[in-house]
Amino acid sequence: MVNLRITDNQLDNLNISDEGRQRALQRAQEVYVMTLLEMGEITSGRAAKLLGISRLEVIEMMNQYGISLFDDSQDLDSLKQEVDGMELLLNEPEVE
């Protein structure tokens, strides 16, 4: 595990501009949120709220980070079973 801690004093010694600091902080937040999203810890809606952007912007960002919109951890057999189960539910006659 890597633990990274950068203090304000360290940044002051590097003479980084305010714009540079803001951009680096924004990028760090994006990477953190995208990692949580990729791991399934948060939803795209939650990611949008955390980053203060729309879900569409999160989806575009997911594409940039190579994160799938779909749960690709499911194998073909379990997906077929899920689809078959939904078809059965949809085709059941309505009870009045």
N, C-alpha and C. Protein backbone atom coordinates (compact mmCIF):
# COMPACT_ATOMS: atom_id res chain seq x y z
N MET A 1 0.84 -1.17 0.00
CA MET A 1 0.00 0.00 0.00
C MET A 1 0.89 1.25 0.00
N VAL A 2 0.52 2.19 -0.79
CA VAL A 2 1.28 3.44 -0.89
C VAL A 2 0.50 4.53 -0.16
N ASN A 3 1.18 5.26 0.68
CA ASN A 3 0.56 6.35 1.40
C ASN A 3 1.23 7.63 0.93
N LEU A 4 0.45 8.50 0.32
CA LEU A 4 0.98 9.75 -0.21
C LEU A 4 0.39 10.91 0.57
N ARG A 5 1.26 11.71 1.10
CA ARG A 5 0.81 12.89 1.83
C ARG A 5 1.67 14.07 1.42
N ILE A 6 1.04 15.08 0.91
CA ILE A 6 1.74 16.29 0.49
C ILE A 6 1.19 17.45 1.30
N THR A 7 2.06 18.10 2.02
CA THR A 7 1.62 19.22 2.86
C THR A 7 1.66 20.52 2.07
N ASP A 8 0.96 21.51 2.57
CA ASP A 8 0.99 22.84 1.94
C ASP A 8 2.41 23.39 1.91
N ASN A 9 3.18 23.14 2.97
CA ASN A 9 4.56 23.63 3.02
C ASN A 9 5.40 23.03 1.90
N GLN A 10 5.19 21.75 1.63
CA GLN A 10 5.92 21.12 0.54
C GLN A 10 5.56 21.75 -0.80
N LEU A 11 4.29 22.03 -0.99
CA LEU A 11 3.84 22.67 -2.23
C LEU A 11 4.39 24.09 -2.34
N ASP A 12 4.43 24.79 -1.22
CA ASP A 12 4.99 26.15 -1.23
C ASP A 12 6.45 26.13 -1.68
N ASN A 13 7.18 25.12 -1.23
CA ASN A 13 8.60 25.01 -1.60
C ASN A 13 8.78 24.72 -3.09
N LEU A 14 7.76 24.17 -3.74
CA LEU A 14 7.85 23.85 -5.16
C LEU A 14 7.43 25.02 -6.05
N ASN A 15 6.94 26.08 -5.43
CA ASN A 15 6.49 27.27 -6.18
C ASN A 15 5.46 26.92 -7.26
N ILE A 16 4.46 26.14 -6.88
CA ILE A 16 3.39 25.76 -7.80
C ILE A 16 2.33 26.86 -7.80
N SER A 17 1.88 27.23 -8.97
CA SER A 17 0.87 28.28 -9.07
C SER A 17 -0.46 27.81 -8.48
N ASP A 18 -1.30 28.77 -8.10
CA ASP A 18 -2.63 28.43 -7.59
C ASP A 18 -3.42 27.65 -8.63
N GLU A 19 -3.28 28.05 -9.90
CA GLU A 19 -3.98 27.34 -10.97
C GLU A 19 -3.49 25.89 -11.06
N GLY A 20 -2.20 25.69 -10.93
CA GLY A 20 -1.63 24.35 -10.96
C GLY A 20 -2.13 23.49 -9.82
N ARG A 21 -2.19 24.09 -8.63
CA ARG A 21 -2.71 23.37 -7.45
C ARG A 21 -4.16 22.96 -7.64
N GLN A 22 -4.97 23.91 -8.12
CA GLN A 22 -6.40 23.64 -8.32
C GLN A 22 -6.61 22.53 -9.35
N ARG A 23 -5.84 22.60 -10.43
CA ARG A 23 -5.99 21.58 -11.49
C ARG A 23 -5.55 20.21 -10.98
N ALA A 24 -4.47 20.16 -10.23
CA ALA A 24 -3.99 18.89 -9.68
C ALA A 24 -4.99 18.32 -8.67
N LEU A 25 -5.56 19.18 -7.84
CA LEU A 25 -6.55 18.73 -6.87
C LEU A 25 -7.79 18.20 -7.56
N GLN A 26 -8.24 18.91 -8.60
CA GLN A 26 -9.41 18.46 -9.34
C GLN A 26 -9.15 17.09 -9.98
N ARG A 27 -7.97 16.95 -10.58
CA ARG A 27 -7.63 15.67 -11.21
C ARG A 27 -7.57 14.55 -10.18
N ALA A 28 -7.00 14.82 -9.02
CA ALA A 28 -6.91 13.82 -7.96
C ALA A 28 -8.30 13.39 -7.50
N GLN A 29 -9.22 14.36 -7.37
CA GLN A 29 -10.59 14.03 -6.98
C GLN A 29 -11.25 13.17 -8.05
N GLU A 30 -11.06 13.52 -9.32
CA GLU A 30 -11.64 12.73 -10.42
C GLU A 30 -11.14 11.29 -10.38
N VAL A 31 -9.84 11.13 -10.24
CA VAL A 31 -9.26 9.78 -10.21
C VAL A 31 -9.80 8.99 -9.03
N TYR A 32 -9.90 9.62 -7.88
CA TYR A 32 -10.42 8.96 -6.68
C TYR A 32 -11.85 8.50 -6.89
N VAL A 33 -12.70 9.38 -7.39
CA VAL A 33 -14.11 9.05 -7.61
C VAL A 33 -14.25 7.99 -8.70
N MET A 34 -13.48 8.11 -9.78
CA MET A 34 -13.55 7.12 -10.86
C MET A 34 -13.10 5.74 -10.37
N THR A 35 -12.12 5.71 -9.48
CA THR A 35 -11.67 4.43 -8.92
C THR A 35 -12.77 3.81 -8.08
N LEU A 36 -13.44 4.61 -7.26
CA LEU A 36 -14.56 4.09 -6.47
C LEU A 36 -15.67 3.57 -7.37
N LEU A 37 -15.94 4.28 -8.44
CA LEU A 37 -16.97 3.88 -9.40
C LEU A 37 -16.59 2.57 -10.08
N GLU A 38 -15.35 2.47 -10.52
CA GLU A 38 -14.87 1.26 -11.19
C GLU A 38 -14.96 0.04 -10.27
N MET A 39 -14.69 0.24 -9.00
CA MET A 39 -14.74 -0.84 -8.03
C MET A 39 -16.16 -1.20 -7.62
N GLY A 40 -17.13 -0.41 -8.04
CA GLY A 40 -18.52 -0.67 -7.69
C GLY A 40 -18.91 -0.16 -6.32
N GLU A 41 -18.08 0.69 -5.74
CA GLU A 41 -18.35 1.23 -4.41
C GLU A 41 -19.39 2.35 -4.44
N ILE A 42 -19.50 3.04 -5.57
CA ILE A 42 -20.49 4.10 -5.73
C ILE A 42 -21.13 3.98 -7.11
N THR A 43 -22.28 4.64 -7.28
CA THR A 43 -22.98 4.65 -8.56
C THR A 43 -22.54 5.87 -9.37
N SER A 44 -22.91 5.87 -10.64
CA SER A 44 -22.59 7.02 -11.48
C SER A 44 -23.31 8.28 -10.99
N GLY A 45 -24.51 8.10 -10.46
CA GLY A 45 -25.24 9.24 -9.89
C GLY A 45 -24.51 9.84 -8.69
N ARG A 46 -24.00 8.97 -7.84
CA ARG A 46 -23.24 9.43 -6.67
C ARG A 46 -21.94 10.09 -7.11
N ALA A 47 -21.30 9.52 -8.12
CA ALA A 47 -20.07 10.12 -8.64
C ALA A 47 -20.34 11.52 -9.17
N ALA A 48 -21.47 11.68 -9.86
CA ALA A 48 -21.83 13.00 -10.40
C ALA A 48 -22.00 14.01 -9.27
N LYS A 49 -22.67 13.59 -8.20
CA LYS A 49 -22.86 14.49 -7.06
C LYS A 49 -21.54 14.86 -6.41
N LEU A 50 -20.67 13.88 -6.24
CA LEU A 50 -19.38 14.14 -5.60
C LEU A 50 -18.52 15.09 -6.43
N LEU A 51 -18.60 14.96 -7.75
CA LEU A 51 -17.79 15.80 -8.63
C LEU A 51 -18.49 17.09 -9.03
N GLY A 52 -19.78 17.21 -8.71
CA GLY A 52 -20.52 18.42 -9.05
C GLY A 52 -20.77 18.56 -10.54
N ILE A 53 -20.98 17.41 -11.23
CA ILE A 53 -21.24 17.42 -12.66
C ILE A 53 -22.46 16.56 -12.96
N SER A 54 -22.90 16.56 -14.22
CA SER A 54 -24.06 15.76 -14.61
C SER A 54 -23.67 14.29 -14.78
N ARG A 55 -24.69 13.41 -14.77
CA ARG A 55 -24.42 11.99 -15.01
C ARG A 55 -23.86 11.78 -16.41
N LEU A 56 -24.32 12.56 -17.36
CA LEU A 56 -23.80 12.45 -18.73
C LEU A 56 -22.30 12.74 -18.75
N GLU A 57 -21.89 13.76 -18.00
CA GLU A 57 -20.46 14.07 -17.92
C GLU A 57 -19.69 12.94 -17.23
N VAL A 58 -20.30 12.30 -16.23
CA VAL A 58 -19.65 11.16 -15.58
C VAL A 58 -19.49 10.02 -16.58
N ILE A 59 -20.52 9.77 -17.38
CA ILE A 59 -20.45 8.70 -18.37
C ILE A 59 -19.34 8.99 -19.38
N GLU A 60 -19.22 10.24 -19.80
CA GLU A 60 -18.13 10.61 -20.71
C GLU A 60 -16.77 10.41 -20.03
N MET A 61 -16.69 10.75 -18.75
CA MET A 61 -15.45 10.59 -18.00
C MET A 61 -15.13 9.10 -17.84
N MET A 62 -16.17 8.28 -17.62
CA MET A 62 -15.96 6.84 -17.50
C MET A 62 -15.32 6.30 -18.78
N ASN A 63 -15.77 6.79 -19.90
CA ASN A 63 -15.20 6.38 -21.18
C ASN A 63 -13.71 6.75 -21.24
N GLN A 64 -13.38 7.96 -20.79
CA GLN A 64 -11.98 8.40 -20.79
C GLN A 64 -11.11 7.51 -19.90
N TYR A 65 -11.68 7.03 -18.79
CA TYR A 65 -10.93 6.18 -17.86
C TYR A 65 -11.05 4.70 -18.19
N GLY A 66 -11.78 4.37 -19.26
CA GLY A 66 -11.93 2.97 -19.66
C GLY A 66 -12.81 2.15 -18.74
N ILE A 67 -13.78 2.81 -18.12
CA ILE A 67 -14.69 2.12 -17.20
C ILE A 67 -15.98 1.78 -17.94
N SER A 68 -16.37 0.52 -17.90
CA SER A 68 -17.56 0.06 -18.60
C SER A 68 -18.82 0.58 -17.92
N LEU A 69 -19.82 0.89 -18.75
CA LEU A 69 -21.12 1.30 -18.21
C LEU A 69 -21.89 0.12 -17.65
N PHE A 70 -21.51 -1.07 -18.06
CA PHE A 70 -22.24 -2.27 -17.71
C PHE A 70 -21.44 -3.13 -16.75
N ASP A 71 -22.15 -3.94 -15.99
CA ASP A 71 -21.50 -4.87 -15.07
C ASP A 71 -20.96 -6.04 -15.89
N ASP A 72 -19.68 -5.98 -16.22
CA ASP A 72 -19.10 -7.03 -17.06
C ASP A 72 -18.54 -8.19 -16.24
N SER A 73 -18.86 -8.23 -14.96
CA SER A 73 -18.40 -9.32 -14.12
C SER A 73 -19.35 -10.52 -14.22
N GLN A 74 -20.51 -10.32 -14.84
CA GLN A 74 -21.52 -11.38 -14.94
C GLN A 74 -21.19 -12.26 -16.14
N ASP A 75 -21.21 -13.61 -15.93
CA ASP A 75 -20.94 -14.49 -17.06
C ASP A 75 -22.20 -14.66 -17.92
N LEU A 76 -22.02 -15.24 -19.10
CA LEU A 76 -23.09 -15.34 -20.08
C LEU A 76 -24.25 -16.18 -19.57
N ASP A 77 -23.96 -17.29 -18.87
CA ASP A 77 -25.04 -18.15 -18.36
C ASP A 77 -25.91 -17.44 -17.33
N SER A 78 -25.30 -16.72 -16.40
CA SER A 78 -26.10 -16.03 -15.39
C SER A 78 -26.88 -14.87 -16.01
N LEU A 79 -26.31 -14.23 -17.02
CA LEU A 79 -27.04 -13.17 -17.72
C LEU A 79 -28.25 -13.76 -18.44
N LYS A 80 -28.07 -14.90 -19.09
CA LYS A 80 -29.19 -15.56 -19.79
C LYS A 80 -30.28 -15.94 -18.80
N GLN A 81 -29.90 -16.47 -17.65
CA GLN A 81 -30.89 -16.83 -16.62
C GLN A 81 -31.67 -15.59 -16.17
N GLU A 82 -30.97 -14.50 -16.00
CA GLU A 82 -31.63 -13.26 -15.59
C GLU A 82 -32.61 -12.77 -16.65
N VAL A 83 -32.20 -12.82 -17.91
CA VAL A 83 -33.08 -12.41 -19.01
C VAL A 83 -34.28 -13.34 -19.09
N ASP A 84 -34.06 -14.66 -18.99
CA ASP A 84 -35.16 -15.62 -19.03
C ASP A 84 -36.16 -15.36 -17.90
N GLY A 85 -35.64 -15.06 -16.71
CA GLY A 85 -36.51 -14.78 -15.57
C GLY A 85 -37.35 -13.52 -15.80
N MET A 86 -36.75 -12.51 -16.39
CA MET A 86 -37.49 -11.28 -16.68
C MET A 86 -38.55 -11.52 -17.75
N GLU A 87 -38.23 -12.35 -18.75
CA GLU A 87 -39.22 -12.67 -19.79
C GLU A 87 -40.42 -13.39 -19.19
N LEU A 88 -40.15 -14.30 -18.25
CA LEU A 88 -41.26 -15.00 -17.58
C LEU A 88 -42.14 -14.01 -16.83
N LEU A 89 -41.53 -13.09 -16.13
CA LEU A 89 -42.31 -12.09 -15.39
C LEU A 89 -43.13 -11.21 -16.32
N LEU A 90 -42.52 -10.83 -17.42
CA LEU A 90 -43.23 -9.96 -18.37
C LEU A 90 -44.36 -10.67 -19.08
N ASN A 91 -44.24 -11.97 -19.24
CA ASN A 91 -45.26 -12.73 -19.98
C ASN A 91 -46.34 -13.32 -19.10
N GLU A 92 -46.24 -13.14 -17.79
CA GLU A 92 -47.27 -13.63 -16.87
C GLU A 92 -48.57 -12.86 -17.10
N PRO A 93 -49.69 -13.60 -17.10
CA PRO A 93 -50.97 -12.87 -17.24
C PRO A 93 -51.23 -12.01 -15.99
N GLU A 94 -51.83 -10.86 -16.22
CA GLU A 94 -52.13 -9.97 -15.11
C GLU A 94 -53.28 -10.52 -14.29
N VAL A 95 -53.16 -10.42 -12.98
CA VAL A 95 -54.20 -10.88 -12.07
C VAL A 95 -55.03 -9.66 -11.69
N GLU A 96 -56.33 -9.81 -11.88
CA GLU A 96 -57.21 -8.66 -11.55
C GLU A 96 -58.00 -8.89 -10.30
